[in-house]
Amino acid sequence: MSSTLLLPVTGIARGHQTSFEINHATREPVWLRRMVVAIALLFFGVFLLMPLIAVFVEAFRKGIGLYWQALLDPDALAALRLTFIAAVIAVPLNLVFGVAAAWLIAKFDFRGKHLLITFIDLPFSVSPVIVGLMYVLVFGVNGWFGGLLQSWDLKIIFAIPGIVLATVFVTFPFIARELIPLMQAQGREEEEAAIVLGANGWQAFWHVTLPNVKWGLIYGVILCNARAMGEFGAVSVVSGHIRGLTNTLPLHVEILYNEYNFSAAFAVASLLALLALVTLSIKSWVEHRAQAAVGAH
């Protein structure tokens, strides 16, 4: 009887030993882990941290007085104002489109669904410069609607509307692409249950769908806003580089640098870098809150 009882215990002991040996065998050597961490830190330091530090060092090289003078220059303030105008218009438009497109794709089946997803991904595959050229060909003086716009005394290219359109195009996938997999993972059961209980479509969306995706939505808005403020290629083509009128902050940095006004260029660039750091901080906070919310559930 004792031997019968010992056999399972021995088997269990052997099983634990085998599991330990397997885990120990698949564990990477210490030197390999340290080498991978060192490579990652080296890459981060050389390609990310050092350029960021260099921007602020060059910005303050000639003193705080010249730094503030560059930031308070009327052209710099106009560029900052236009950057915020483009972001303030583009982000809400993409918010409406992104939520509607994600809800439609995740919650309904219809013809052309995959085509819509392809169109949403289009700005990821098209160069921003090509985007700017497309708008020039459509809305420029010699474009498809150029004559009609001139007859109505409307100006899109080399004006604020063109900058807003280009910004909207290059940023509209961010919110939709953040929400689509999230809504698909949640399924349709909760919305269907709400409708069965008497809720209409808007009530089901507002009280069920939106609370479930709010952190992903905020995350998408942050990414969209960051891209809107930092966009260069498409805006550069449609802006015309008119100082004080159609230059955003990235374009203003380019002009100052091309004029060998390096201190002012790096000062304005440091402002963009600060905006990026604030965006990253908010992004990290949103990720932390989202993980805490998932842990609470």
Protein backbone atom coordinates (compact mmCIF):
# COMPACT_ATOMS: atom_id res chain seq x y z
CA MET A 1 0.00 0.00 0.00
CA SER A 2 2.85 2.28 0.82
CA SER A 3 4.42 1.70 -2.55
CA THR A 4 1.10 2.52 -4.21
CA LEU A 5 0.94 5.83 -2.37
CA LEU A 6 4.54 6.66 -3.16
CA LEU A 7 4.15 6.31 -6.91
CA PRO A 8 1.93 9.41 -7.46
CA VAL A 9 4.06 11.42 -5.07
CA THR A 10 7.18 10.39 -6.93
CA GLY A 11 5.49 11.19 -10.23
CA ILE A 12 4.45 14.61 -8.97
CA ALA A 13 7.96 15.26 -7.69
CA ARG A 14 9.41 14.25 -11.02
CA GLY A 15 6.87 16.45 -12.80
CA HIS A 16 7.88 19.47 -10.70
CA GLN A 17 11.53 18.73 -11.35
CA THR A 18 10.92 18.46 -15.07
CA SER A 19 8.99 21.75 -15.10
CA PHE A 20 11.79 23.46 -13.18
CA GLU A 21 14.39 22.06 -15.55
CA ILE A 22 12.40 23.25 -18.57
CA ASN A 23 11.99 26.75 -17.12
CA HIS A 24 15.66 26.85 -16.18
CA ALA A 25 16.69 25.64 -19.63
CA THR A 26 14.64 28.31 -21.42
CA ARG A 27 15.87 31.15 -19.20
CA GLU A 28 18.26 33.45 -21.05
CA PRO A 29 21.79 33.84 -19.70
CA VAL A 30 22.46 36.92 -17.59
CA TRP A 31 25.02 38.27 -20.06
CA LEU A 32 22.52 38.04 -22.91
CA ARG A 33 19.84 39.95 -21.00
CA ARG A 34 22.31 42.62 -20.00
CA MET A 35 23.55 42.95 -23.58
CA VAL A 36 19.99 43.38 -24.91
CA VAL A 37 19.23 46.02 -22.24
CA ALA A 38 22.51 47.80 -23.01
CA ILE A 39 21.74 47.88 -26.75
CA ALA A 40 18.25 49.25 -26.07
CA LEU A 41 19.60 51.94 -23.73
CA LEU A 42 22.36 52.84 -26.20
CA PHE A 43 19.84 53.19 -29.03
CA PHE A 44 17.57 55.29 -26.83
CA GLY A 45 20.42 57.54 -25.72
CA VAL A 46 22.01 58.09 -29.14
CA PHE A 47 18.94 58.38 -31.36
CA LEU A 48 16.32 59.83 -29.00
CA LEU A 49 17.70 61.39 -25.83
CA MET A 50 20.81 63.11 -27.22
CA PRO A 51 18.97 64.90 -30.08
CA LEU A 52 16.34 66.07 -27.62
CA ILE A 53 18.96 67.42 -25.24
CA ALA A 54 20.82 69.02 -28.15
CA VAL A 55 17.68 70.98 -29.11
CA PHE A 56 17.42 72.60 -25.68
CA VAL A 57 21.19 73.18 -25.42
CA GLU A 58 21.26 75.00 -28.76
CA ALA A 59 18.08 76.90 -27.90
CA PHE A 60 19.66 78.42 -24.76
CA ARG A 61 23.22 78.70 -26.10
CA LYS A 62 23.01 82.48 -26.57
CA GLY A 63 21.09 83.18 -23.40
CA ILE A 64 17.57 83.28 -22.12
CA GLY A 65 17.00 86.74 -23.59
CA LEU A 66 17.43 85.65 -27.21
CA TYR A 67 15.40 82.54 -26.45
CA TRP A 68 12.35 84.53 -25.34
CA GLN A 69 12.89 87.00 -28.16
CA ALA A 70 12.65 84.17 -30.69
CA LEU A 71 9.49 82.80 -29.08
CA LEU A 72 7.81 86.20 -28.77
CA ASP A 73 8.59 87.18 -32.36
CA PRO A 74 5.33 88.09 -34.18
CA ASP A 75 5.98 85.48 -36.89
CA ALA A 76 6.59 82.79 -34.26
CA LEU A 77 3.39 83.72 -32.41
CA ALA A 78 1.46 83.67 -35.69
CA ALA A 79 2.89 80.22 -36.46
CA LEU A 80 1.93 79.00 -32.98
CA ARG A 81 -1.57 80.38 -33.39
CA LEU A 82 -2.01 78.71 -36.79
CA THR A 83 -0.71 75.40 -35.42
CA PHE A 84 -3.34 75.46 -32.69
CA ILE A 85 -6.06 76.51 -35.14
CA ALA A 86 -5.29 73.56 -37.41
CA ALA A 87 -5.25 71.16 -34.45
CA VAL A 88 -8.42 72.58 -32.87
CA ILE A 89 -10.32 72.09 -36.15
CA ALA A 90 -8.77 68.80 -37.28
CA VAL A 91 -9.01 66.88 -34.00
CA PRO A 92 -12.78 67.35 -33.40
CA LEU A 93 -13.52 66.46 -37.04
CA ASN A 94 -11.44 63.31 -36.75
CA LEU A 95 -13.07 62.59 -33.39
CA VAL A 96 -16.53 62.53 -34.97
CA PHE A 97 -15.35 60.55 -37.99
CA GLY A 98 -13.24 58.13 -35.96
CA VAL A 99 -15.99 57.26 -33.48
CA ALA A 100 -18.61 56.90 -36.22
CA ALA A 101 -16.36 54.77 -38.44
CA ALA A 102 -15.20 52.55 -35.58
CA TRP A 103 -18.77 52.01 -34.34
CA LEU A 104 -19.96 51.22 -37.87
CA ILE A 105 -17.13 48.77 -38.60
CA ALA A 106 -17.16 47.02 -35.22
CA LYS A 107 -20.89 46.76 -34.59
CA PHE A 108 -22.42 46.25 -38.05
CA ASP A 109 -21.91 44.07 -41.14
CA PHE A 110 -22.37 45.76 -44.50
CA ARG A 111 -21.06 45.73 -48.05
CA GLY A 112 -17.90 47.76 -48.51
CA LYS A 113 -16.75 47.25 -44.93
CA HIS A 114 -13.25 46.16 -45.92
CA LEU A 115 -13.07 48.98 -48.46
CA LEU A 116 -13.83 51.50 -45.70
CA ILE A 117 -11.07 50.02 -43.54
CA THR A 118 -8.67 50.34 -46.50
CA PHE A 119 -9.60 54.00 -46.97
CA ILE A 120 -9.03 54.66 -43.26
CA ASP A 121 -5.50 53.24 -43.58
CA LEU A 122 -4.77 55.26 -46.74
CA PRO A 123 -2.95 58.16 -45.01
CA PHE A 124 -0.56 55.66 -43.44
CA SER A 125 0.58 54.46 -46.87
CA VAL A 126 0.63 57.76 -48.78
CA SER A 127 3.47 60.22 -48.35
CA PRO A 128 2.33 63.52 -46.78
CA VAL A 129 3.99 65.38 -49.64
CA ILE A 130 1.78 63.48 -52.09
CA VAL A 131 -1.23 64.45 -49.99
CA GLY A 132 -0.30 68.11 -50.35
CA LEU A 133 0.15 67.73 -54.10
CA MET A 134 -3.28 66.09 -54.38
CA TYR A 135 -4.90 69.11 -52.76
CA VAL A 136 -2.97 71.45 -55.04
CA LEU A 137 -4.19 69.52 -58.10
CA VAL A 138 -7.79 69.65 -56.87
CA PHE A 139 -8.06 73.12 -55.28
CA GLY A 140 -5.13 75.03 -56.80
CA VAL A 141 -5.48 77.90 -59.27
CA ASN A 142 -5.00 75.52 -62.19
CA GLY A 143 -6.68 72.58 -60.41
CA TRP A 144 -9.99 70.88 -61.04
CA PHE A 145 -11.99 73.36 -58.97
CA GLY A 146 -9.58 76.30 -59.23
CA GLY A 147 -11.72 78.31 -61.64
CA LEU A 148 -14.88 77.73 -59.63
CA LEU A 149 -13.19 78.78 -56.40
CA GLN A 150 -11.82 81.92 -58.05
CA SER A 151 -15.27 82.85 -59.31
CA TRP A 152 -16.57 82.59 -55.74
CA ASP A 153 -13.50 84.42 -54.37
CA LEU A 154 -12.54 81.45 -52.23
CA LYS A 155 -8.93 80.51 -51.53
CA ILE A 156 -7.96 77.10 -50.20
CA ILE A 157 -4.38 76.50 -51.32
CA PHE A 158 -1.81 78.85 -49.73
CA ALA A 159 -4.40 79.70 -47.10
CA ILE A 160 -5.68 78.38 -43.78
CA PRO A 161 -8.39 76.08 -45.28
CA GLY A 162 -5.75 74.15 -47.24
CA ILE A 163 -3.63 73.69 -44.12
CA VAL A 164 -6.65 72.43 -42.18
CA LEU A 165 -7.64 70.02 -44.98
CA ALA A 166 -4.12 68.60 -45.21
CA THR A 167 -3.97 68.21 -41.44
CA VAL A 168 -7.33 66.45 -41.34
CA PHE A 169 -6.26 64.00 -44.05
CA VAL A 170 -3.00 62.92 -42.44
CA THR A 171 -4.51 62.57 -38.96
CA PHE A 172 -7.93 60.99 -39.46
CA PRO A 173 -6.83 57.31 -39.08
CA PHE A 174 -5.54 57.71 -35.51
CA ILE A 175 -8.81 57.78 -33.56
CA ALA A 176 -10.59 55.25 -35.77
CA ARG A 177 -7.66 52.83 -35.71
CA GLU A 178 -7.46 53.08 -31.92
CA LEU A 179 -11.16 52.34 -31.43
CA ILE A 180 -11.85 49.66 -34.05
CA PRO A 181 -9.98 46.74 -32.39
CA LEU A 182 -11.22 47.83 -28.96
CA MET A 183 -14.87 47.83 -30.03
CA GLN A 184 -14.44 44.56 -31.92
CA ALA A 185 -12.96 42.90 -28.83
CA GLN A 186 -15.92 44.01 -26.72
CA GLY A 187 -18.46 42.52 -29.12
CA ARG A 188 -22.09 43.49 -29.51
CA GLU A 189 -23.72 41.67 -26.58
CA GLU A 190 -23.97 44.65 -24.21
CA GLU A 191 -25.50 46.94 -26.86
CA GLU A 192 -27.96 44.24 -27.91
CA ALA A 193 -28.95 43.70 -24.27
CA ALA A 194 -29.52 47.45 -23.82
CA ILE A 195 -31.73 47.56 -26.92
CA VAL A 196 -33.71 44.55 -25.71
CA LEU A 197 -34.30 46.41 -22.44
CA GLY A 198 -35.78 49.34 -24.34
CA ALA A 199 -32.85 51.64 -25.15
CA ASN A 200 -32.61 53.20 -28.59
CA GLY A 201 -29.43 53.28 -30.65
CA TRP A 202 -28.19 56.62 -29.31
CA GLN A 203 -28.81 55.59 -25.68
CA ALA A 204 -27.00 52.29 -26.20
CA PHE A 205 -24.04 54.12 -27.71
CA TRP A 206 -23.91 56.88 -25.08
CA HIS A 207 -24.43 54.73 -21.97
CA VAL A 208 -22.85 51.42 -23.02
CA THR A 209 -20.41 51.75 -25.93
CA LEU A 210 -18.78 55.07 -25.09
CA PRO A 211 -17.96 54.33 -21.42
CA ASN A 212 -16.30 51.07 -22.48
CA VAL A 213 -13.96 52.81 -24.94
CA LYS A 214 -13.39 56.16 -23.25
CA TRP A 215 -9.70 55.55 -22.43
CA GLY A 216 -8.95 54.31 -25.93
CA LEU A 217 -10.80 57.34 -27.29
CA ILE A 218 -8.73 59.74 -25.18
CA TYR A 219 -5.56 57.93 -26.25
CA GLY A 220 -6.51 58.29 -29.93
CA VAL A 221 -7.29 62.00 -29.50
CA ILE A 222 -3.85 62.54 -27.93
CA LEU A 223 -2.08 60.82 -30.84
CA CYS A 224 -4.19 62.72 -33.36
CA ASN A 225 -3.41 66.05 -31.72
CA ALA A 226 0.32 65.29 -31.57
CA ARG A 227 0.42 64.49 -35.29
CA ALA A 228 -1.67 67.56 -36.13
CA MET A 229 0.73 69.92 -34.34
CA GLY A 230 3.85 68.30 -35.77
CA GLU A 231 2.76 67.73 -39.38
CA PHE A 232 5.23 69.10 -41.91
CA GLY A 233 5.12 67.46 -45.35
CA ALA A 234 1.52 67.96 -46.44
CA VAL A 235 1.24 71.39 -44.80
CA SER A 236 4.49 72.50 -46.42
CA VAL A 237 3.08 71.90 -49.91
CA VAL A 238 -0.25 73.67 -49.42
CA SER A 239 0.90 76.55 -47.20
CA GLY A 240 3.01 78.62 -49.58
CA HIS A 241 5.38 79.48 -46.68
CA ILE A 242 3.90 82.96 -46.21
CA ARG A 243 5.43 84.38 -43.03
CA GLY A 244 2.94 85.41 -40.42
CA LEU A 245 0.03 83.97 -42.42
CA THR A 246 0.43 80.33 -43.49
CA ASN A 247 3.43 79.06 -41.54
CA THR A 248 2.89 76.55 -38.78
CA LEU A 249 5.57 75.95 -36.12
CA PRO A 250 7.40 73.20 -38.06
CA LEU A 251 7.49 75.39 -41.18
CA HIS A 252 8.69 78.37 -39.16
CA VAL A 253 11.56 76.27 -37.79
CA GLU A 254 12.58 75.32 -41.33
CA ILE A 255 12.58 78.93 -42.51
CA LEU A 256 14.67 80.12 -39.56
CA TYR A 257 17.15 77.29 -40.06
CA ASN A 258 17.48 77.97 -43.79
CA GLU A 259 18.23 81.60 -42.94
CA TYR A 260 21.08 80.44 -40.62
CA ASN A 261 19.21 81.84 -37.63
CA PHE A 262 20.04 78.73 -35.64
CA SER A 263 19.32 80.04 -32.16
CA ALA A 264 15.80 81.12 -33.08
CA ALA A 265 15.22 77.88 -35.01
CA PHE A 266 16.19 75.74 -32.02
CA ALA A 267 14.18 77.96 -29.67
CA VAL A 268 11.00 77.37 -31.66
CA ALA A 269 11.93 73.69 -32.03
CA SER A 270 12.24 73.45 -28.25
CA LEU A 271 8.66 74.68 -27.99
CA LEU A 272 7.56 71.83 -30.24
CA ALA A 273 9.65 69.44 -28.15
CA LEU A 274 7.94 70.69 -24.97
CA LEU A 275 4.54 70.14 -26.56
CA ALA A 276 5.64 66.61 -27.47
CA LEU A 277 6.82 65.92 -23.91
CA VAL A 278 3.52 67.18 -22.50
CA THR A 279 1.69 64.94 -24.96
CA LEU A 280 3.77 61.94 -23.89
CA SER A 281 3.08 62.70 -20.24
CA ILE A 282 -0.66 62.83 -20.85
CA LYS A 283 -0.40 59.64 -22.92
CA SER A 284 1.38 57.82 -20.08
CA TRP A 285 -1.23 59.03 -17.60
CA VAL A 286 -4.05 57.79 -19.85
CA GLU A 287 -2.35 54.39 -20.24
CA HIS A 288 -1.96 54.14 -16.46
CA ARG A 289 -5.60 55.02 -15.85
CA ALA A 290 -6.74 52.57 -18.54
CA GLN A 291 -4.72 49.75 -16.97
CA ALA A 292 -6.07 50.64 -13.53
CA ALA A 293 -9.62 50.58 -14.91
CA VAL A 294 -9.04 47.15 -16.49
CA GLY A 295 -7.55 45.87 -13.21
CA ALA A 296 -10.55 47.16 -11.27
CA HIS A 297 -12.90 45.19 -13.49
